[in-house]
Amino acid sequence: VHAYWNAEHITKLNSLYENGRIRKKYLKEIVNKESPLYV
């Protein structure tokens, strides 16, 4: 992993991918500090 291994984070981040790519709608989530995916 690039910086930090946290099993709970890993489980949540698996949902970002669809058809082998991070979906654009989730790119918007990861830059939004209010999103549960941000941290």
ModelCIF file with pLDDT and N, C-alpha, C, O atoms, coordinates in Angstrom:
data_MODEL
#
_entry.id   MODEL 
#
_entity.id                         1 
_entity.type                       polymer 
_entity.pdbx_number_of_molecules   1 
#
_entity_poly.entity_id                      1 
_entity_poly.type                           'polypeptide(L)' 
_entity_poly.nstd_linkage                   no 
_entity_poly.nstd_monomer                   no 
_entity_poly.pdbx_seq_one_letter_code       VHAYWNAEHITKLNSLYENGRIRKKYLKEIVNKESPLYV 
_entity_poly.pdbx_seq_one_letter_code_can   VHAYWNAEHITKLNSLYENGRIRKKYLKEIVNKESPLYV 
_entity_poly.pdbx_strand_id                 A 
#
loop_
_entity_poly_seq.entity_id 
_entity_poly_seq.num 
_entity_poly_seq.mon_id 
_entity_poly_seq.hetero 
1 1  VAL n 
1 2  HIS n 
1 3  ALA n 
1 4  TYR n 
1 5  TRP n 
1 6  ASN n 
1 7  ALA n 
1 8  GLU n 
1 9  HIS n 
1 10 ILE n 
1 11 THR n 
1 12 LYS n 
1 13 LEU n 
1 14 ASN n 
1 15 SER n 
1 16 LEU n 
1 17 TYR n 
1 18 GLU n 
1 19 ASN n 
1 20 GLY n 
1 21 ARG n 
1 22 ILE n 
1 23 ARG n 
1 24 LYS n 
1 25 LYS n 
1 26 TYR n 
1 27 LEU n 
1 28 LYS n 
1 29 GLU n 
1 30 ILE n 
1 31 VAL n 
1 32 ASN n 
1 33 LYS n 
1 34 GLU n 
1 35 SER n 
1 36 PRO n 
1 37 LEU n 
1 38 TYR n 
1 39 VAL n 
#
_struct_asym.id          A 
_struct_asym.entity_id   1 
#
loop_
_ma_qa_metric.id 
_ma_qa_metric.mode 
_ma_qa_metric.name 
_ma_qa_metric.software_group_id 
_ma_qa_metric.type 
1 global pLDDT . pLDDT 
2 local  pLDDT . pLDDT 
#
_ma_qa_metric_global.metric_id      1 
_ma_qa_metric_global.metric_value   95.00 
_ma_qa_metric_global.model_id       1 
_ma_qa_metric_global.ordinal_id     1 
#
loop_
_ma_qa_metric_local.label_asym_id 
_ma_qa_metric_local.label_comp_id 
_ma_qa_metric_local.label_seq_id 
_ma_qa_metric_local.metric_id 
_ma_qa_metric_local.metric_value 
_ma_qa_metric_local.model_id 
_ma_qa_metric_local.ordinal_id 
A VAL 1  2 98.00 1 1  
A HIS 2  2 98.00 1 2  
A ALA 3  2 98.00 1 3  
A TYR 4  2 98.00 1 4  
A TRP 5  2 98.00 1 5  
A ASN 6  2 98.00 1 6  
A ALA 7  2 96.00 1 7  
A GLU 8  2 96.00 1 8  
A HIS 9  2 97.00 1 9  
A ILE 10 2 96.00 1 10 
A THR 11 2 95.00 1 11 
A LYS 12 2 95.00 1 12 
A LEU 13 2 95.00 1 13 
A ASN 14 2 93.00 1 14 
A SER 15 2 92.00 1 15 
A LEU 16 2 95.00 1 16 
A TYR 17 2 95.00 1 17 
A GLU 18 2 92.00 1 18 
A ASN 19 2 91.00 1 19 
A GLY 20 2 93.00 1 20 
A ARG 21 2 94.00 1 21 
A ILE 22 2 96.00 1 22 
A ARG 23 2 92.00 1 23 
A LYS 24 2 91.00 1 24 
A LYS 25 2 91.00 1 25 
A TYR 26 2 94.00 1 26 
A LEU 27 2 95.00 1 27 
A LYS 28 2 94.00 1 28 
A GLU 29 2 94.00 1 29 
A ILE 30 2 95.00 1 30 
A VAL 31 2 95.00 1 31 
A ASN 32 2 95.00 1 32 
A LYS 33 2 95.00 1 33 
A GLU 34 2 96.00 1 34 
A SER 35 2 96.00 1 35 
A PRO 36 2 95.00 1 36 
A LEU 37 2 96.00 1 37 
A TYR 38 2 96.00 1 38 
A VAL 39 2 96.00 1 39 
#
loop_
_atom_site.group_PDB 
_atom_site.id 
_atom_site.type_symbol 
_atom_site.label_atom_id 
_atom_site.label_alt_id 
_atom_site.label_comp_id 
_atom_site.label_asym_id 
_atom_site.label_entity_id 
_atom_site.label_seq_id 
_atom_site.pdbx_PDB_ins_code 
_atom_site.Cartn_x 
_atom_site.Cartn_y 
_atom_site.Cartn_z 
_atom_site.occupancy 
_atom_site.B_iso_or_equiv 
_atom_site.pdbx_formal_charge 
_atom_site.auth_seq_id 
_atom_site.auth_comp_id 
_atom_site.auth_asym_id 
_atom_site.auth_atom_id 
_atom_site.pdbx_PDB_model_num 
ATOM 1   N N  . VAL A 1 1  ? 0.868   -1.173 0.000   1.00 98.00 ? 1  VAL A N  1 
ATOM 2   C CA . VAL A 1 1  ? 0.000   0.000  0.000   1.00 98.00 ? 1  VAL A CA 1 
ATOM 3   C C  . VAL A 1 1  ? 0.903   1.220  0.000   1.00 98.00 ? 1  VAL A C  1 
ATOM 4   O O  . VAL A 1 1  ? 2.047   1.141  0.449   1.00 98.00 ? 1  VAL A O  1 
ATOM 5   N N  . HIS A 1 2  ? 0.413   2.340  -0.492  1.00 98.00 ? 2  HIS A N  1 
ATOM 6   C CA . HIS A 1 2  ? 1.317   3.486  -0.595  1.00 98.00 ? 2  HIS A CA 1 
ATOM 7   C C  . HIS A 1 2  ? 1.702   4.056  0.771   1.00 98.00 ? 2  HIS A C  1 
ATOM 8   O O  . HIS A 1 2  ? 2.871   4.373  0.993   1.00 98.00 ? 2  HIS A O  1 
ATOM 9   N N  . ALA A 1 3  ? 0.734   4.192  1.698   1.00 98.00 ? 3  ALA A N  1 
ATOM 10  C CA . ALA A 1 3  ? 1.075   4.902  2.941   1.00 98.00 ? 3  ALA A CA 1 
ATOM 11  C C  . ALA A 1 3  ? 0.526   4.280  4.218   1.00 98.00 ? 3  ALA A C  1 
ATOM 12  O O  . ALA A 1 3  ? 1.174   4.391  5.259   1.00 98.00 ? 3  ALA A O  1 
ATOM 13  N N  . TYR A 1 4  ? -0.644  3.627  4.190   1.00 98.00 ? 4  TYR A N  1 
ATOM 14  C CA . TYR A 1 4  ? -1.252  3.156  5.449   1.00 98.00 ? 4  TYR A CA 1 
ATOM 15  C C  . TYR A 1 4  ? -2.175  1.985  5.161   1.00 98.00 ? 4  TYR A C  1 
ATOM 16  O O  . TYR A 1 4  ? -3.052  2.059  4.301   1.00 98.00 ? 4  TYR A O  1 
ATOM 17  N N  . TRP A 1 5  ? -1.957  0.899  5.903   1.00 98.00 ? 5  TRP A N  1 
ATOM 18  C CA . TRP A 1 5  ? -2.837  -0.266 5.771   1.00 98.00 ? 5  TRP A CA 1 
ATOM 19  C C  . TRP A 1 5  ? -3.805  -0.310 6.949   1.00 98.00 ? 5  TRP A C  1 
ATOM 20  O O  . TRP A 1 5  ? -3.408  -0.473 8.102   1.00 98.00 ? 5  TRP A O  1 
ATOM 21  N N  . ASN A 1 6  ? -5.071  -0.162 6.625   1.00 98.00 ? 6  ASN A N  1 
ATOM 22  C CA . ASN A 1 6  ? -6.145  -0.248 7.600   1.00 98.00 ? 6  ASN A CA 1 
ATOM 23  C C  . ASN A 1 6  ? -7.228  -1.119 6.967   1.00 98.00 ? 6  ASN A C  1 
ATOM 24  O O  . ASN A 1 6  ? -7.806  -0.751 5.945   1.00 98.00 ? 6  ASN A O  1 
ATOM 25  N N  . ALA A 1 7  ? -7.499  -2.268 7.572   1.00 96.00 ? 7  ALA A N  1 
ATOM 26  C CA . ALA A 1 7  ? -8.413  -3.236 6.962   1.00 96.00 ? 7  ALA A CA 1 
ATOM 27  C C  . ALA A 1 7  ? -9.804  -2.645 6.731   1.00 96.00 ? 7  ALA A C  1 
ATOM 28  O O  . ALA A 1 7  ? -10.440 -2.945 5.721   1.00 96.00 ? 7  ALA A O  1 
ATOM 29  N N  . GLU A 1 8  ? -10.280 -1.813 7.653   1.00 96.00 ? 8  GLU A N  1 
ATOM 30  C CA . GLU A 1 8  ? -11.598 -1.200 7.481   1.00 96.00 ? 8  GLU A CA 1 
ATOM 31  C C  . GLU A 1 8  ? -11.595 -0.227 6.288   1.00 96.00 ? 8  GLU A C  1 
ATOM 32  O O  . GLU A 1 8  ? -12.548 -0.183 5.510   1.00 96.00 ? 8  GLU A O  1 
ATOM 33  N N  . HIS A 1 9  ? -10.524 0.537  6.164   1.00 97.00 ? 9  HIS A N  1 
ATOM 34  C CA . HIS A 1 9  ? -10.419 1.436  5.009   1.00 97.00 ? 9  HIS A CA 1 
ATOM 35  C C  . HIS A 1 9  ? -10.430 0.633  3.706   1.00 97.00 ? 9  HIS A C  1 
ATOM 36  O O  . HIS A 1 9  ? -11.128 0.982  2.754   1.00 97.00 ? 9  HIS A O  1 
ATOM 37  N N  . ILE A 1 10 ? -9.649  -0.441 3.681   1.00 96.00 ? 10 ILE A N  1 
ATOM 38  C CA . ILE A 1 10 ? -9.531  -1.246 2.468   1.00 96.00 ? 10 ILE A CA 1 
ATOM 39  C C  . ILE A 1 10 ? -10.901 -1.752 2.027   1.00 96.00 ? 10 ILE A C  1 
ATOM 40  O O  . ILE A 1 10 ? -11.233 -1.700 0.843   1.00 96.00 ? 10 ILE A O  1 
ATOM 41  N N  . THR A 1 11 ? -11.687 -2.236 2.970   1.00 95.00 ? 11 THR A N  1 
ATOM 42  C CA . THR A 1 11 ? -13.019 -2.751 2.657   1.00 95.00 ? 11 THR A CA 1 
ATOM 43  C C  . THR A 1 11 ? -13.896 -1.666 2.044   1.00 95.00 ? 11 THR A C  1 
ATOM 44  O O  . THR A 1 11 ? -14.597 -1.913 1.063   1.00 95.00 ? 11 THR A O  1 
ATOM 45  N N  . LYS A 1 12 ? -13.858 -0.472 2.615   1.00 95.00 ? 12 LYS A N  1 
ATOM 46  C CA . LYS A 1 12 ? -14.668 0.634  2.093   1.00 95.00 ? 12 LYS A CA 1 
ATOM 47  C C  . LYS A 1 12 ? -14.224 1.052  0.697   1.00 95.00 ? 12 LYS A C  1 
ATOM 48  O O  . LYS A 1 12 ? -15.050 1.382  -0.153  1.00 95.00 ? 12 LYS A O  1 
ATOM 49  N N  . LEU A 1 13 ? -12.918 1.037  0.468   1.00 95.00 ? 13 LEU A N  1 
ATOM 50  C CA . LEU A 1 13 ? -12.397 1.545  -0.805  1.00 95.00 ? 13 LEU A CA 1 
ATOM 51  C C  . LEU A 1 13 ? -12.611 0.591  -1.963  1.00 95.00 ? 13 LEU A C  1 
ATOM 52  O O  . LEU A 1 13 ? -12.520 0.997  -3.122  1.00 95.00 ? 13 LEU A O  1 
ATOM 53  N N  . ASN A 1 14 ? -12.892 -0.665 -1.673  1.00 93.00 ? 14 ASN A N  1 
ATOM 54  C CA . ASN A 1 14 ? -13.186 -1.619 -2.753  1.00 93.00 ? 14 ASN A CA 1 
ATOM 55  C C  . ASN A 1 14 ? -14.395 -1.186 -3.574  1.00 93.00 ? 14 ASN A C  1 
ATOM 56  O O  . ASN A 1 14 ? -14.513 -1.541 -4.747  1.00 93.00 ? 14 ASN A O  1 
ATOM 57  N N  . SER A 1 15 ? -15.293 -0.418 -2.957  1.00 92.00 ? 15 SER A N  1 
ATOM 58  C CA . SER A 1 15 ? -16.515 0.007  -3.647  1.00 92.00 ? 15 SER A CA 1 
ATOM 59  C C  . SER A 1 15 ? -16.265 1.092  -4.693  1.00 92.00 ? 15 SER A C  1 
ATOM 60  O O  . SER A 1 15 ? -17.160 1.411  -5.475  1.00 92.00 ? 15 SER A O  1 
ATOM 61  N N  . LEU A 1 16 ? -15.051 1.664  -4.715  1.00 95.00 ? 16 LEU A N  1 
ATOM 62  C CA . LEU A 1 16 ? -14.757 2.740  -5.667  1.00 95.00 ? 16 LEU A CA 1 
ATOM 63  C C  . LEU A 1 16 ? -14.692 2.247  -7.104  1.00 95.00 ? 16 LEU A C  1 
ATOM 64  O O  . LEU A 1 16 ? -14.923 3.011  -8.041  1.00 95.00 ? 16 LEU A O  1 
ATOM 65  N N  . TYR A 1 17 ? -14.377 0.965  -7.274  1.00 95.00 ? 17 TYR A N  1 
ATOM 66  C CA . TYR A 1 17 ? -14.079 0.432  -8.605  1.00 95.00 ? 17 TYR A CA 1 
ATOM 67  C C  . TYR A 1 17 ? -15.288 -0.232 -9.234  1.00 95.00 ? 17 TYR A C  1 
ATOM 68  O O  . TYR A 1 17 ? -16.050 -0.935 -8.570  1.00 95.00 ? 17 TYR A O  1 
ATOM 69  N N  . GLU A 1 18 ? -15.447 0.002  -10.518 1.00 92.00 ? 18 GLU A N  1 
ATOM 70  C CA . GLU A 1 18 ? -16.473 -0.665 -11.309 1.00 92.00 ? 18 GLU A CA 1 
ATOM 71  C C  . GLU A 1 18 ? -15.903 -0.896 -12.699 1.00 92.00 ? 18 GLU A C  1 
ATOM 72  O O  . GLU A 1 18 ? -15.385 0.027  -13.328 1.00 92.00 ? 18 GLU A O  1 
ATOM 73  N N  . ASN A 1 19 ? -15.999 -2.131 -13.175 1.00 91.00 ? 19 ASN A N  1 
ATOM 74  C CA . ASN A 1 19 ? -15.424 -2.502 -14.471 1.00 91.00 ? 19 ASN A CA 1 
ATOM 75  C C  . ASN A 1 19 ? -13.931 -2.183 -14.536 1.00 91.00 ? 19 ASN A C  1 
ATOM 76  O O  . ASN A 1 19 ? -13.406 -1.761 -15.566 1.00 91.00 ? 19 ASN A O  1 
ATOM 77  N N  . GLY A 1 20 ? -13.259 -2.405 -13.381 1.00 93.00 ? 20 GLY A N  1 
ATOM 78  C CA . GLY A 1 20 ? -11.808 -2.268 -13.354 1.00 93.00 ? 20 GLY A CA 1 
ATOM 79  C C  . GLY A 1 20 ? -11.271 -0.858 -13.319 1.00 93.00 ? 20 GLY A C  1 
ATOM 80  O O  . GLY A 1 20 ? -10.100 -0.643 -13.629 1.00 93.00 ? 20 GLY A O  1 
ATOM 81  N N  . ARG A 1 21 ? -12.091 0.112  -12.950 1.00 94.00 ? 21 ARG A N  1 
ATOM 82  C CA . ARG A 1 21 ? -11.650 1.510  -12.932 1.00 94.00 ? 21 ARG A CA 1 
ATOM 83  C C  . ARG A 1 21 ? -12.388 2.271  -11.836 1.00 94.00 ? 21 ARG A C  1 
ATOM 84  O O  . ARG A 1 21 ? -13.545 1.973  -11.536 1.00 94.00 ? 21 ARG A O  1 
ATOM 85  N N  . ILE A 1 22 ? -11.709 3.263  -11.234 1.00 96.00 ? 22 ILE A N  1 
ATOM 86  C CA . ILE A 1 22 ? -12.389 4.125  -10.269 1.00 96.00 ? 22 ILE A CA 1 
ATOM 87  C C  . ILE A 1 22 ? -13.418 4.973  -11.016 1.00 96.00 ? 22 ILE A C  1 
ATOM 88  O O  . ILE A 1 22 ? -13.077 5.710  -11.941 1.00 96.00 ? 22 ILE A O  1 
ATOM 89  N N  . ARG A 1 23 ? -14.657 4.861  -10.609 1.00 92.00 ? 23 ARG A N  1 
ATOM 90  C CA . ARG A 1 23 ? -15.721 5.602  -11.276 1.00 92.00 ? 23 ARG A CA 1 
ATOM 91  C C  . ARG A 1 23 ? -15.597 7.090  -10.996 1.00 92.00 ? 23 ARG A C  1 
ATOM 92  O O  . ARG A 1 23 ? -15.163 7.490  -9.916  1.00 92.00 ? 23 ARG A O  1 
ATOM 93  N N  . LYS A 1 24 ? -15.979 7.914  -11.976 1.00 91.00 ? 24 LYS A N  1 
ATOM 94  C CA . LYS A 1 24 ? -15.853 9.360  -11.830 1.00 91.00 ? 24 LYS A CA 1 
ATOM 95  C C  . LYS A 1 24 ? -16.675 9.887  -10.657 1.00 91.00 ? 24 LYS A C  1 
ATOM 96  O O  . LYS A 1 24 ? -16.251 10.813 -9.964  1.00 91.00 ? 24 LYS A O  1 
ATOM 97  N N  . LYS A 1 25 ? -17.846 9.299  -10.437 1.00 91.00 ? 25 LYS A N  1 
ATOM 98  C CA . LYS A 1 25 ? -18.673 9.804  -9.336  1.00 91.00 ? 25 LYS A CA 1 
ATOM 99  C C  . LYS A 1 25 ? -17.985 9.595  -7.989  1.00 91.00 ? 25 LYS A C  1 
ATOM 100 O O  . LYS A 1 25 ? -18.230 10.341 -7.041  1.00 91.00 ? 25 LYS A O  1 
ATOM 101 N N  . TYR A 1 26 ? -17.124 8.580  -7.905  1.00 94.00 ? 26 TYR A N  1 
ATOM 102 C CA . TYR A 1 26 ? -16.394 8.358  -6.665  1.00 94.00 ? 26 TYR A CA 1 
ATOM 103 C C  . TYR A 1 26 ? -15.155 9.249  -6.576  1.00 94.00 ? 26 TYR A C  1 
ATOM 104 O O  . TYR A 1 26 ? -14.685 9.546  -5.478  1.00 94.00 ? 26 TYR A O  1 
ATOM 105 N N  . LEU A 1 27 ? -14.631 9.671  -7.708  1.00 95.00 ? 27 LEU A N  1 
ATOM 106 C CA . LEU A 1 27 ? -13.558 10.656 -7.661  1.00 95.00 ? 27 LEU A CA 1 
ATOM 107 C C  . LEU A 1 27 ? -14.059 11.938 -6.995  1.00 95.00 ? 27 LEU A C  1 
ATOM 108 O O  . LEU A 1 27 ? -13.316 12.600 -6.271  1.00 95.00 ? 27 LEU A O  1 
ATOM 109 N N  . LYS A 1 28 ? -15.306 12.278 -7.241  1.00 94.00 ? 28 LYS A N  1 
ATOM 110 C CA . LYS A 1 28 ? -15.896 13.448 -6.593  1.00 94.00 ? 28 LYS A CA 1 
ATOM 111 C C  . LYS A 1 28 ? -16.043 13.226 -5.086  1.00 94.00 ? 28 LYS A C  1 
ATOM 112 O O  . LYS A 1 28 ? -15.935 14.165 -4.298  1.00 94.00 ? 28 LYS A O  1 
ATOM 113 N N  . GLU A 1 29 ? -16.286 11.988 -4.704  1.00 94.00 ? 29 GLU A N  1 
ATOM 114 C CA . GLU A 1 29 ? -16.434 11.666 -3.283  1.00 94.00 ? 29 GLU A CA 1 
ATOM 115 C C  . GLU A 1 29 ? -15.113 11.786 -2.525  1.00 94.00 ? 29 GLU A C  1 
ATOM 116 O O  . GLU A 1 29 ? -15.075 12.301 -1.407  1.00 94.00 ? 29 GLU A O  1 
ATOM 117 N N  . ILE A 1 30 ? -14.032 11.307 -3.140  1.00 95.00 ? 30 ILE A N  1 
ATOM 118 C CA . ILE A 1 30 ? -12.768 11.252 -2.402  1.00 95.00 ? 30 ILE A CA 1 
ATOM 119 C C  . ILE A 1 30 ? -12.129 12.627 -2.216  1.00 95.00 ? 30 ILE A C  1 
ATOM 120 O O  . ILE A 1 30 ? -11.216 12.773 -1.404  1.00 95.00 ? 30 ILE A O  1 
ATOM 121 N N  . VAL A 1 31 ? -12.595 13.639 -2.958  1.00 95.00 ? 31 VAL A N  1 
ATOM 122 C CA . VAL A 1 31 ? -12.077 14.992 -2.752  1.00 95.00 ? 31 VAL A CA 1 
ATOM 123 C C  . VAL A 1 31 ? -13.019 15.834 -1.894  1.00 95.00 ? 31 VAL A C  1 
ATOM 124 O O  . VAL A 1 31 ? -12.747 17.005 -1.631  1.00 95.00 ? 31 VAL A O  1 
ATOM 125 N N  . ASN A 1 32 ? -14.112 15.240 -1.466  1.00 95.00 ? 32 ASN A N  1 
ATOM 126 C CA . ASN A 1 32 ? -15.108 15.926 -0.645  1.00 95.00 ? 32 ASN A CA 1 
ATOM 127 C C  . ASN A 1 32 ? -14.895 15.573 0.824   1.00 95.00 ? 32 ASN A C  1 
ATOM 128 O O  . ASN A 1 32 ? -15.129 14.431 1.220   1.00 95.00 ? 32 ASN A O  1 
ATOM 129 N N  . LYS A 1 33 ? -14.456 16.526 1.632   1.00 95.00 ? 33 LYS A N  1 
ATOM 130 C CA . LYS A 1 33 ? -14.133 16.256 3.036   1.00 95.00 ? 33 LYS A CA 1 
ATOM 131 C C  . LYS A 1 33 ? -15.332 15.799 3.849   1.00 95.00 ? 33 LYS A C  1 
ATOM 132 O O  . LYS A 1 33 ? -15.161 15.241 4.933   1.00 95.00 ? 33 LYS A O  1 
ATOM 133 N N  . GLU A 1 34 ? -16.536 16.023 3.353   1.00 96.00 ? 34 GLU A N  1 
ATOM 134 C CA . GLU A 1 34 ? -17.743 15.589 4.060   1.00 96.00 ? 34 GLU A CA 1 
ATOM 135 C C  . GLU A 1 34 ? -18.130 14.156 3.718   1.00 96.00 ? 34 GLU A C  1 
ATOM 136 O O  . GLU A 1 34 ? -19.021 13.587 4.347   1.00 96.00 ? 34 GLU A O  1 
ATOM 137 N N  . SER A 1 35 ? -17.471 13.575 2.731   1.00 96.00 ? 35 SER A N  1 
ATOM 138 C CA . SER A 1 35 ? -17.817 12.227 2.300   1.00 96.00 ? 35 SER A CA 1 
ATOM 139 C C  . SER A 1 35 ? -17.254 11.181 3.268   1.00 96.00 ? 35 SER A C  1 
ATOM 140 O O  . SER A 1 35 ? -16.155 11.366 3.790   1.00 96.00 ? 35 SER A O  1 
ATOM 141 N N  . PRO A 1 36 ? -17.978 10.091 3.516   1.00 95.00 ? 36 PRO A N  1 
ATOM 142 C CA . PRO A 1 36 ? -17.455 9.007  4.369   1.00 95.00 ? 36 PRO A CA 1 
ATOM 143 C C  . PRO A 1 36 ? -16.265 8.283  3.745   1.00 95.00 ? 36 PRO A C  1 
ATOM 144 O O  . PRO A 1 36 ? -15.586 7.507  4.418   1.00 95.00 ? 36 PRO A O  1 
ATOM 145 N N  . LEU A 1 37 ? -16.010 8.534  2.459   1.00 96.00 ? 37 LEU A N  1 
ATOM 146 C CA . LEU A 1 37 ? -14.864 7.912  1.792   1.00 96.00 ? 37 LEU A CA 1 
ATOM 147 C C  . LEU A 1 37 ? -13.604 8.760  1.876   1.00 96.00 ? 37 LEU A C  1 
ATOM 148 O O  . LEU A 1 37 ? -12.512 8.283  1.566   1.00 96.00 ? 37 LEU A O  1 
ATOM 149 N N  . TYR A 1 38 ? -13.748 10.021 2.295   1.00 96.00 ? 38 TYR A N  1 
ATOM 150 C CA . TYR A 1 38 ? -12.609 10.941 2.249   1.00 96.00 ? 38 TYR A CA 1 
ATOM 151 C C  . TYR A 1 38 ? -11.461 10.496 3.163   1.00 96.00 ? 38 TYR A C  1 
ATOM 152 O O  . TYR A 1 38 ? -10.319 10.397 2.715   1.00 96.00 ? 38 TYR A O  1 
ATOM 153 N N  . VAL A 1 39 ? -11.753 10.233 4.417   1.00 96.00 ? 39 VAL A N  1 
ATOM 154 C CA . VAL A 1 39 ? -10.686 9.853  5.356   1.00 96.00 ? 39 VAL A CA 1 
ATOM 155 C C  . VAL A 1 39 ? -10.068 8.504  4.992   1.00 96.00 ? 39 VAL A C  1 
ATOM 156 O O  . VAL A 1 39 ? -9.158  8.036  5.676   1.00 96.00 ? 39 VAL A O  1 
#
